[in-house]
C-alpha atoms as a PDB file:
ATOM      1  CA  MET A   1      -0.028   0.025  -0.036  1.00  0.00           C
ATOM      2  CA  ASN A   2       1.009   3.688  -0.689  1.00  0.00           C
ATOM      3  CA  SER A   3       3.038   4.460   2.622  1.00  0.00           C
ATOM      4  CA  HIS A   4       1.665   8.114   2.364  1.00  0.00           C
ATOM      5  CA  ARG A   5      -1.894   7.159   2.294  1.00  0.00           C
ATOM      6  CA  GLU A   6      -1.416   4.545   5.265  1.00  0.00           C
ATOM      7  CA  ASN A   7       0.064   7.511   7.126  1.00  0.00           C
ATOM      8  CA  ASN A   8      -3.019   9.495   6.359  1.00  0.00           C
ATOM      9  CA  ILE A   9      -5.649   7.092   7.961  1.00  0.00           C
ATOM     10  CA  LEU A  10      -7.189   7.924  11.173  1.00  0.00           C
ATOM     11  CA  GLY A  11      -8.647   5.064  13.360  1.00  0.00           C
ATOM     12  CA  LEU A  12     -11.432   6.547  15.164  1.00  0.00           C
ATOM     13  CA  ILE A  13     -13.151   4.644  18.180  1.00  0.00           C
ATOM     14  CA  PRO A  14     -16.437   6.360  19.290  1.00  0.00           C
ATOM     15  CA  ALA A  15     -17.744   5.455  22.770  1.00  0.00           C
ATOM     16  CA  ARG A  16     -20.073   7.846  24.474  1.00  0.00           C
ATOM     17  CA  GLY A  17     -20.995   7.406  28.182  1.00  0.00           C
ATOM     18  CA  GLY A  18     -24.841   6.958  27.717  1.00  0.00           C
ATOM     19  CA  SER A  19     -26.693   3.820  26.902  1.00  0.00           C
ATOM     20  CA  ARG A  20     -30.239   3.273  27.572  1.00  0.00           C
ATOM     21  CA  ARG A  21     -30.604  -0.490  26.684  1.00  0.00           C
ATOM     22  CA  VAL A  22     -27.597  -1.792  28.201  1.00  0.00           C
ATOM     23  CA  PRO A  23     -26.226   0.810  30.763  1.00  0.00           C
ATOM     24  CA  ARG A  24     -22.374   1.618  30.612  1.00  0.00           C
ATOM     25  CA  LYS A  25     -22.225  -0.764  27.651  1.00  0.00           C
ATOM     26  CA  ASN A  26     -18.719   0.379  26.419  1.00  0.00           C
ATOM     27  CA  ILE A  27     -17.234  -0.599  29.615  1.00  0.00           C
ATOM     28  CA  LYS A  28     -19.113  -3.498  30.843  1.00  0.00           C
ATOM     29  CA  GLU A  29     -17.437  -6.553  31.247  1.00  0.00           C
ATOM     30  CA  PHE A  30     -17.290  -8.771  27.830  1.00  0.00           C
ATOM     31  CA  LEU A  31     -15.710 -12.109  28.217  1.00  0.00           C
ATOM     32  CA  GLY A  32     -13.738 -10.873  31.002  1.00  0.00           C
ATOM     33  CA  LYS A  33     -12.611  -7.407  29.400  1.00  0.00           C
ATOM     34  CA  PRO A  34     -14.453  -3.964  29.110  1.00  0.00           C
ATOM     35  CA  LEU A  35     -16.180  -4.103  25.645  1.00  0.00           C
ATOM     36  CA  LEU A  36     -14.127  -1.374  24.590  1.00  0.00           C
ATOM     37  CA  PHE A  37     -10.896  -3.464  25.055  1.00  0.00           C
ATOM     38  CA  TRP A  38     -11.769  -5.561  22.227  1.00  0.00           C
ATOM     39  CA  THR A  39     -11.775  -2.836  19.487  1.00  0.00           C
ATOM     40  CA  ILE A  40      -8.697  -1.244  20.853  1.00  0.00           C
ATOM     41  CA  GLU A  41      -6.974  -4.565  20.894  1.00  0.00           C
ATOM     42  CA  ALA A  42      -8.209  -5.280  17.085  1.00  0.00           C
ATOM     43  CA  ALA A  43      -6.929  -1.919  16.067  1.00  0.00           C
ATOM     44  CA  ARG A  44      -3.504  -2.173  17.751  1.00  0.00           C
ATOM     45  CA  GLU A  45      -2.648  -5.393  16.702  1.00  0.00           C
ATOM     46  CA  SER A  46      -3.839  -4.724  13.109  1.00  0.00           C
ATOM     47  CA  GLY A  47      -0.247  -2.926  12.908  1.00  0.00           C
ATOM     48  CA  VAL A  48      -1.382  -0.646  10.268  1.00  0.00           C
ATOM     49  CA  LEU A  49      -3.126   2.238  11.977  1.00  0.00           C
ATOM     50  CA  LYS A  50      -0.369   4.986  12.559  1.00  0.00           C
ATOM     51  CA  ARG A  51      -3.210   7.291  14.246  1.00  0.00           C
ATOM     52  CA  LEU A  52      -5.792   6.052  16.720  1.00  0.00           C
ATOM     53  CA  ILE A  53      -7.888   7.768  18.873  1.00  0.00           C
ATOM     54  CA  LEU A  54     -10.728   7.347  21.305  1.00  0.00           C
ATOM     55  CA  ASN A  55     -13.723   9.698  20.924  1.00  0.00           C
ATOM     56  CA  THR A  56     -15.705   9.939  24.417  1.00  0.00           C
ATOM     57  CA  ASP A  57     -17.580  12.268  26.557  1.00  0.00           C
ATOM     58  CA  ASP A  58     -17.279  10.081  29.628  1.00  0.00           C
ATOM     59  CA  PRO A  59     -14.039  10.606  31.984  1.00  0.00           C
ATOM     60  CA  GLU A  60     -14.208   6.787  32.927  1.00  0.00           C
ATOM     61  CA  ILE A  61     -14.348   5.581  29.497  1.00  0.00           C
ATOM     62  CA  ALA A  62     -11.577   7.816  28.357  1.00  0.00           C
ATOM     63  CA  GLN A  63      -9.113   6.578  31.321  1.00  0.00           C
ATOM     64  CA  ILE A  64      -9.876   3.003  30.569  1.00  0.00           C
ATOM     65  CA  GLY A  65      -9.309   3.564  26.861  1.00  0.00           C
ATOM     66  CA  LYS A  66      -5.924   5.348  27.985  1.00  0.00           C
ATOM     67  CA  ASP A  67      -4.991   2.420  30.188  1.00  0.00           C
ATOM     68  CA  TYR A  68      -5.206  -0.047  27.102  1.00  0.00           C
ATOM     69  CA  GLY A  69      -2.999   2.336  25.063  1.00  0.00           C
ATOM     70  CA  VAL A  70      -5.230   4.640  22.875  1.00  0.00           C
ATOM     71  CA  LYS A  71      -5.267   8.288  22.876  1.00  0.00           C
ATOM     72  CA  VAL A  72      -7.787  10.736  23.784  1.00  0.00           C
ATOM     73  CA  PRO A  73      -6.917  13.935  22.602  1.00  0.00           C
ATOM     74  CA  PHE A  74      -9.903  15.861  23.729  1.00  0.00           C
ATOM     75  CA  MET A  75     -13.397  15.259  25.288  1.00  0.00           C
ATOM     76  CA  ARG A  76     -16.380  15.012  23.142  1.00  0.00           C
ATOM     77  CA  PRO A  77     -18.869  17.847  23.924  1.00  0.00           C
ATOM     78  CA  LYS A  78     -22.079  16.900  25.663  1.00  0.00           C
ATOM     79  CA  GLU A  79     -24.230  18.231  22.920  1.00  0.00           C
ATOM     80  CA  LEU A  80     -22.307  15.772  20.475  1.00  0.00           C
ATOM     81  CA  ALA A  81     -22.997  12.981  23.257  1.00  0.00           C
ATOM     82  CA  GLN A  82     -26.936  12.772  23.275  1.00  0.00           C
ATOM     83  CA  ASP A  83     -29.133   9.455  22.068  1.00  0.00           C
ATOM     84  CA  ASP A  84     -29.958  11.217  18.703  1.00  0.00           C
ATOM     85  CA  THR A  85     -26.403  12.693  17.642  1.00  0.00           C
ATOM     86  CA  PRO A  86     -25.814  11.799  14.214  1.00  0.00           C
ATOM     87  CA  ILE A  87     -22.115   9.971  14.012  1.00  0.00           C
ATOM     88  CA  PHE A  88     -21.567  12.327  11.029  1.00  0.00           C
ATOM     89  CA  SER A  89     -21.498  15.155  13.431  1.00  0.00           C
ATOM     90  CA  VAL A  90     -19.303  13.359  15.667  1.00  0.00           C
ATOM     91  CA  ILE A  91     -16.796  12.234  12.866  1.00  0.00           C
ATOM     92  CA  LYS A  92     -16.953  15.932  11.172  1.00  0.00           C
ATOM     93  CA  HIS A  93     -16.244  17.728  14.775  1.00  0.00           C
ATOM     94  CA  THR A  94     -13.299  15.066  15.250  1.00  0.00           C
ATOM     95  CA  VAL A  95     -11.704  16.037  12.086  1.00  0.00           C
ATOM     96  CA  GLU A  96     -12.037  19.829  12.568  1.00  0.00           C
ATOM     97  CA  TRP A  97     -10.633  19.594  16.173  1.00  0.00           C
ATOM     98  CA  LEU A  98      -7.530  17.733  14.966  1.00  0.00           C
ATOM     99  CA  LYS A  99      -6.996  19.882  11.913  1.00  0.00           C
ATOM    100  CA  ASP A 100      -7.332  23.165  14.196  1.00  0.00           C
ATOM    101  CA  LYS A 101      -5.398  21.906  17.174  1.00  0.00           C
ATOM    102  CA  GLU A 102      -2.938  19.712  15.702  1.00  0.00           C
ATOM    103  CA  GLY A 103      -3.067  20.694  12.110  1.00  0.00           C
ATOM    104  CA  PHE A 104      -3.603  17.053  11.027  1.00  0.00           C
ATOM    105  CA  MET A 105      -5.901  16.109   8.404  1.00  0.00           C
ATOM    106  CA  PRO A 106      -6.296  12.566   7.707  1.00  0.00           C
ATOM    107  CA  GLU A 107      -7.207  11.412   4.063  1.00  0.00           C
ATOM    108  CA  TRP A 108      -9.438   8.470   5.358  1.00  0.00           C
ATOM    109  CA  ILE A 109     -11.122   7.623   8.482  1.00  0.00           C
ATOM    110  CA  ILE A 110     -11.728   4.101   9.613  1.00  0.00           C
ATOM    111  CA  LEU A 111     -14.595   3.977  12.194  1.00  0.00           C
ATOM    112  CA  LEU A 112     -14.653   1.093  14.666  1.00  0.00           C
ATOM    113  CA  GLU A 113     -17.457   0.824  17.020  1.00  0.00           C
ATOM    114  CA  PRO A 114     -16.973  -1.060  20.450  1.00  0.00           C
ATOM    115  CA  SER A 115     -20.577  -2.149  19.812  1.00  0.00           C
ATOM    116  CA  SER A 116     -19.736  -4.523  17.335  1.00  0.00           C
ATOM    117  CA  PRO A 117     -16.509  -6.314  18.541  1.00  0.00           C
ATOM    118  CA  GLY A 118     -16.492  -8.939  15.821  1.00  0.00           C
ATOM    119  CA  HIS A 119     -13.839  -6.928  13.639  1.00  0.00           C
ATOM    120  CA  ARG A 120     -10.621  -8.600  13.936  1.00  0.00           C
ATOM    121  CA  PRO A 121      -7.051  -7.422  13.001  1.00  0.00           C
ATOM    122  CA  PHE A 122      -6.905  -8.981   9.597  1.00  0.00           C
ATOM    123  CA  HIS A 123     -10.347  -7.054   8.584  1.00  0.00           C
ATOM    124  CA  ILE A 124      -8.614  -3.833   9.405  1.00  0.00           C
ATOM    125  CA  ARG A 125      -5.642  -4.854   7.490  1.00  0.00           C
ATOM    126  CA  GLU A 126      -7.494  -6.159   4.229  1.00  0.00           C
ATOM    127  CA  ALA A 127      -9.731  -2.895   4.574  1.00  0.00           C
ATOM    128  CA  ILE A 128      -6.625  -0.517   4.500  1.00  0.00           C
ATOM    129  CA  GLU A 129      -5.225  -2.526   1.608  1.00  0.00           C
ATOM    130  CA  LEU A 130      -8.326  -2.257  -0.330  1.00  0.00           C
ATOM    131  CA  ILE A 131      -8.239   1.504   0.176  1.00  0.00           C
ATOM    132  CA  GLY A 132      -4.829   1.580  -1.200  1.00  0.00           C
ATOM    133  CA  LYS A 133      -5.689  -0.073  -4.345  1.00  0.00           C
ATOM    134  CA  ARG A 134      -8.889   1.445  -5.256  1.00  0.00           C
ATOM    135  CA  ASP A 135      -8.912   5.249  -6.498  1.00  0.00           C
ATOM    136  CA  ASP A 136     -12.430   4.844  -7.494  1.00  0.00           C
ATOM    137  CA  ILE A 137     -14.086   4.590  -4.209  1.00  0.00           C
ATOM    138  CA  ASP A 138     -15.471   7.061  -1.536  1.00  0.00           C
ATOM    139  CA  SER A 139     -16.150   5.008   1.282  1.00  0.00           C
ATOM    140  CA  LEU A 140     -15.736   1.023   2.331  1.00  0.00           C
ATOM    141  CA  VAL A 141     -18.379  -0.730   4.378  1.00  0.00           C
ATOM    142  CA  GLY A 142     -18.323  -4.025   6.215  1.00  0.00           C
ATOM    143  CA  ILE A 143     -21.245  -6.288   4.973  1.00  0.00           C
ATOM    144  CA  SER A 144     -22.257  -9.693   5.451  1.00  0.00           C
ATOM    145  CA  GLU A 145     -24.702 -12.166   3.410  1.00  0.00           C
ATOM    146  CA  ILE A 146     -28.301 -12.242   4.512  1.00  0.00           C
ATOM    147  CA  PRO A 147     -29.386 -15.645   5.167  1.00  0.00           C
ATOM    148  CA  SER A 148     -31.651 -16.856   2.431  1.00  0.00           C
ATOM    149  CA  HIS A 149     -34.667 -17.542   4.817  1.00  0.00           C
ATOM    150  CA  TYR A 150     -34.529 -13.734   5.562  1.00  0.00           C
ATOM    151  CA  SER A 151     -34.481 -12.712   2.206  1.00  0.00           C
ATOM    152  CA  PRO A 152     -36.969  -9.786   1.321  1.00  0.00           C
ATOM    153  CA  PHE A 153     -37.893 -11.865  -1.609  1.00  0.00           C
ATOM    154  CA  LYS A 154     -39.606 -14.298   0.908  1.00  0.00           C
ATOM    155  CA  ALA A 155     -41.257 -11.440   2.909  1.00  0.00           C
ATOM    156  CA  LEU A 156     -44.809 -11.503   3.441  1.00  0.00           C
ATOM    157  CA  LYS A 157     -47.670  -9.098   4.206  1.00  0.00           C
ATOM    158  CA  MET A 158     -51.050  -9.987   5.957  1.00  0.00           C
ATOM    159  CA  ASN A 159     -54.478  -8.331   5.055  1.00  0.00           C
ATOM    160  CA  GLU A 160     -57.230  -7.628   7.779  1.00  0.00           C
ATOM    161  CA  LYS A 161     -58.494 -11.196   7.320  1.00  0.00           C
ATOM    162  CA  ASP A 162     -55.106 -12.805   8.096  1.00  0.00           C
ATOM    163  CA  MET A 163     -54.634 -13.790   4.387  1.00  0.00           C
ATOM    164  CA  ILE A 164     -50.974 -13.772   3.521  1.00  0.00           C
ATOM    165  CA  PHE A 165     -49.402 -12.513   0.102  1.00  0.00           C
ATOM    166  CA  ARG A 166     -46.187 -11.621  -1.242  1.00  0.00           C
ATOM    167  CA  TYR A 167     -44.752  -8.529   0.291  1.00  0.00           C
ATOM    168  CA  SER A 168     -43.465  -6.972  -3.078  1.00  0.00           C
ATOM    169  CA  ASP A 169     -46.579  -7.061  -5.197  1.00  0.00           C
ATOM    170  CA  SER A 170     -49.548  -8.742  -3.198  1.00  0.00           C
ATOM    171  CA  GLU A 171     -49.382 -11.772  -5.411  1.00  0.00           C
ATOM    172  CA  PRO A 172     -50.286 -15.196  -3.949  1.00  0.00           C
ATOM    173  CA  ILE A 173     -47.379 -16.913  -1.836  1.00  0.00           C
ATOM    174  CA  ARG A 174     -47.377 -19.832  -4.610  1.00  0.00           C
ATOM    175  CA  ASN A 175     -45.537 -17.222  -6.636  1.00  0.00           C
ATOM    176  CA  LEU A 176     -42.693 -16.888  -3.953  1.00  0.00           C
ATOM    177  CA  ILE A 177     -39.285 -18.090  -4.628  1.00  0.00           C
ATOM    178  CA  HIS A 178     -39.348 -21.015  -2.466  1.00  0.00           C
ATOM    179  CA  ARG A 179     -35.975 -22.547  -3.124  1.00  0.00           C
ATOM    180  CA  ASN A 180     -33.083 -21.133  -1.387  1.00  0.00           C
ATOM    181  CA  GLN A 181     -30.711 -21.800  -4.109  1.00  0.00           C
ATOM    182  CA  ASP A 182     -32.940 -19.781  -6.611  1.00  0.00           C
ATOM    183  CA  LEU A 183     -32.554 -16.340  -4.458  1.00  0.00           C
ATOM    184  CA  SER A 184     -30.085 -13.794  -5.631  1.00  0.00           C
ATOM    185  CA  LYS A 185     -27.403 -13.056  -2.925  1.00  0.00           C
ATOM    186  CA  LEU A 186     -28.040  -9.951  -0.574  1.00  0.00           C
ATOM    187  CA  TYR A 187     -26.228  -8.545   1.945  1.00  0.00           C
ATOM    188  CA  PHE A 188     -26.487  -6.172   5.068  1.00  0.00           C
ATOM    189  CA  ILE A 189     -24.274  -3.606   6.739  1.00  0.00           C
ATOM    190  CA  ASN A 190     -22.815  -5.541   9.637  1.00  0.00           C
ATOM    191  CA  SER A 191     -21.624  -2.497  11.703  1.00  0.00           C
ATOM    192  CA  ALA A 192     -18.118  -4.142  12.163  1.00  0.00           C
ATOM    193  CA  LEU A 193     -16.017  -1.692   9.912  1.00  0.00           C
ATOM    194  CA  TYR A 194     -16.651   1.530   8.052  1.00  0.00           C
ATOM    195  CA  ALA A 195     -14.084   3.693   6.307  1.00  0.00           C
ATOM    196  CA  PHE A 196     -14.639   7.202   4.783  1.00  0.00           C
ATOM    197  CA  LYS A 197     -12.844   9.855   2.676  1.00  0.00           C
ATOM    198  CA  THR A 198     -12.481  12.802   4.680  1.00  0.00           C
ATOM    199  CA  GLU A 199     -13.150  15.165   1.790  1.00  0.00           C
ATOM    200  CA  ASN A 200     -16.869  13.258   2.017  1.00  0.00           C
ATOM    201  CA  LEU A 201     -17.432  15.545   4.842  1.00  0.00           C
ATOM    202  CA  PHE A 202     -16.718  18.649   3.200  1.00  0.00           C
ATOM    203  CA  SER A 203     -18.458  18.392  -0.238  1.00  0.00           C
ATOM    204  CA  ALA A 204     -21.266  19.809  -1.766  1.00  0.00           C
ATOM    205  CA  ARG A 205     -23.486  17.372  -0.463  1.00  0.00           C
ATOM    206  CA  PRO A 206     -21.838  16.325   2.699  1.00  0.00           C
ATOM    207  CA  SER A 207     -22.138  12.519   3.763  1.00  0.00           C
ATOM    208  CA  LEU A 208     -19.966   9.713   5.297  1.00  0.00           C
ATOM    209  CA  TRP A 209     -20.460   7.464   2.084  1.00  0.00           C
ATOM    210  CA  GLY A 210     -20.070   9.774  -0.923  1.00  0.00           C
ATOM    211  CA  ASP A 211     -21.343   8.518  -4.173  1.00  0.00           C
ATOM    212  CA  ARG A 212     -19.336   5.223  -4.571  1.00  0.00           C
ATOM    213  CA  ALA A 213     -19.081   2.513  -1.571  1.00  0.00           C
ATOM    214  CA  LEU A 214     -17.355  -0.558  -1.626  1.00  0.00           C
ATOM    215  CA  GLY A 215     -18.693  -3.483  -0.081  1.00  0.00           C
ATOM    216  CA  TYR A 216     -16.218  -5.452   2.233  1.00  0.00           C
ATOM    217  CA  LEU A 217     -17.337  -8.740   2.576  1.00  0.00           C
ATOM    218  CA  MET A 218     -17.092 -10.477   5.984  1.00  0.00           C
ATOM    219  CA  ASP A 219     -18.213 -13.992   7.108  1.00  0.00           C
ATOM    220  CA  SER A 220     -21.595 -13.357   9.023  1.00  0.00           C
ATOM    221  CA  LYS A 221     -20.115 -15.093  12.239  1.00  0.00           C
ATOM    222  CA  TYR A 222     -18.529 -11.552  12.713  1.00  0.00           C
ATOM    223  CA  ALA A 223     -21.378  -9.683  12.501  1.00  0.00           C
ATOM    224  CA  LEU A 224     -21.670  -8.823  16.130  1.00  0.00           C
ATOM    225  CA  ASP A 225     -23.992  -5.677  16.752  1.00  0.00           C
ATOM    226  CA  ILE A 226     -24.837  -5.248  20.525  1.00  0.00           C
ATOM    227  CA  ASP A 227     -27.936  -3.053  21.048  1.00  0.00           C
ATOM    228  CA  THR A 228     -29.858  -5.142  23.622  1.00  0.00           C
ATOM    229  CA  LEU A 229     -29.066  -7.619  26.779  1.00  0.00           C
ATOM    230  CA  GLU A 230     -30.058 -10.161  24.442  1.00  0.00           C
ATOM    231  CA  ASP A 231     -27.601  -9.113  21.589  1.00  0.00           C
ATOM    232  CA  TRP A 232     -24.952  -9.136  24.567  1.00  0.00           C
ATOM    233  CA  ILE A 233     -25.436 -12.920  25.487  1.00  0.00           C
ATOM    234  CA  MET A 234     -25.438 -14.130  21.753  1.00  0.00           C
ATOM    235  CA  ALA A 235     -22.226 -11.911  21.043  1.00  0.00           C
ATOM    236  CA  GLU A 236     -20.230 -13.247  24.085  1.00  0.00           C
ATOM    237  CA  VAL A 237     -21.076 -16.819  22.594  1.00  0.00           C
ATOM    238  CA  LYS A 238     -20.053 -15.990  19.116  1.00  0.00           C
ATOM    239  CA  MET A 239     -17.129 -14.028  20.073  1.00  0.00           C
ATOM    240  CA  LYS A 240     -15.882 -16.935  22.258  1.00  0.00           C
ATOM    241  CA  ARG A 241     -16.162 -19.221  19.449  1.00  0.00           C
ATOM    242  CA  ILE A 242     -14.223 -17.036  17.226  1.00  0.00           C
ATOM    243  CA  LEU A 243     -11.160 -16.654  19.731  1.00  0.00           C
ATOM    244  CA  GLU A 244     -11.311 -20.418  20.146  1.00  0.00           C
ATOM    245  CA  GLU A 245     -10.996 -20.959  16.500  1.00  0.00           C
ATOM    246  CA  GLU A 246      -8.260 -18.382  15.972  1.00  0.00           C
ATOM    247  CA  LYS A 247      -6.378 -19.884  19.016  1.00  0.00           C
ATOM    248  CA  SER A 248      -6.494 -23.421  17.384  1.00  0.00           C
ATOM    249  CA  GLN A 249      -5.407 -22.047  14.073  1.00  0.00           C
ATOM    250  CA  THR A 250      -2.054 -20.500  15.840  1.00  0.00           C
ATOM    251  CA  ALA A 251      -1.625 -23.678  17.364  1.00  0.00           C
ATOM    252  CA  GLN A 252      -1.499 -25.679  14.218  1.00  0.00           C
END
């Protein structure tokens, strides 16, 4: 990868203190460590992020981040730490602060959310490698395949008499695609990894994505998006399996 571009990538971990469904989620113990730890560890062990910072409004989260070796150059303003604060605003504020206070303007930003701890070091390395190879993209998004039985092509709707029909056009269900192997592959954003060109934030139509988003396909076992306590329980089971597989592969 072009070393200039690699040096101009900012790794950003957003972790606010408030969390309604899982209180203190970012520092709640997950497999024996604060949830935040797993994202910091993956980012640091990737070995390709020259600049990695934690963005938080919470002093306890900031201290835990520092204890695990990530820098916290500033505290997030309270007005950017509300339940309805768009992540766009958080990222733009971060970029503007770094430019104004440190004269640093990254070319790309990799966003790693602690609530999606399935991202592993090799995912980050592969994403940065793709960014270095592709000059025709504005963003990169981690995606995973939708299981066939959840495909929208199998979605149904029900009328007031409880009769069911094909969702797309109200046709009888005999017209559904019943065999999974006959369905087109579809994907969902798995929240594990995002990357954006910084210039997207300041374009004529500001956004994170720009016009050309590249899908980075990840095995669905890494799609751990924790929003509820039920998500938490399932994520711990899946993450434990991921770690056991990695340990087994290392031992071979």
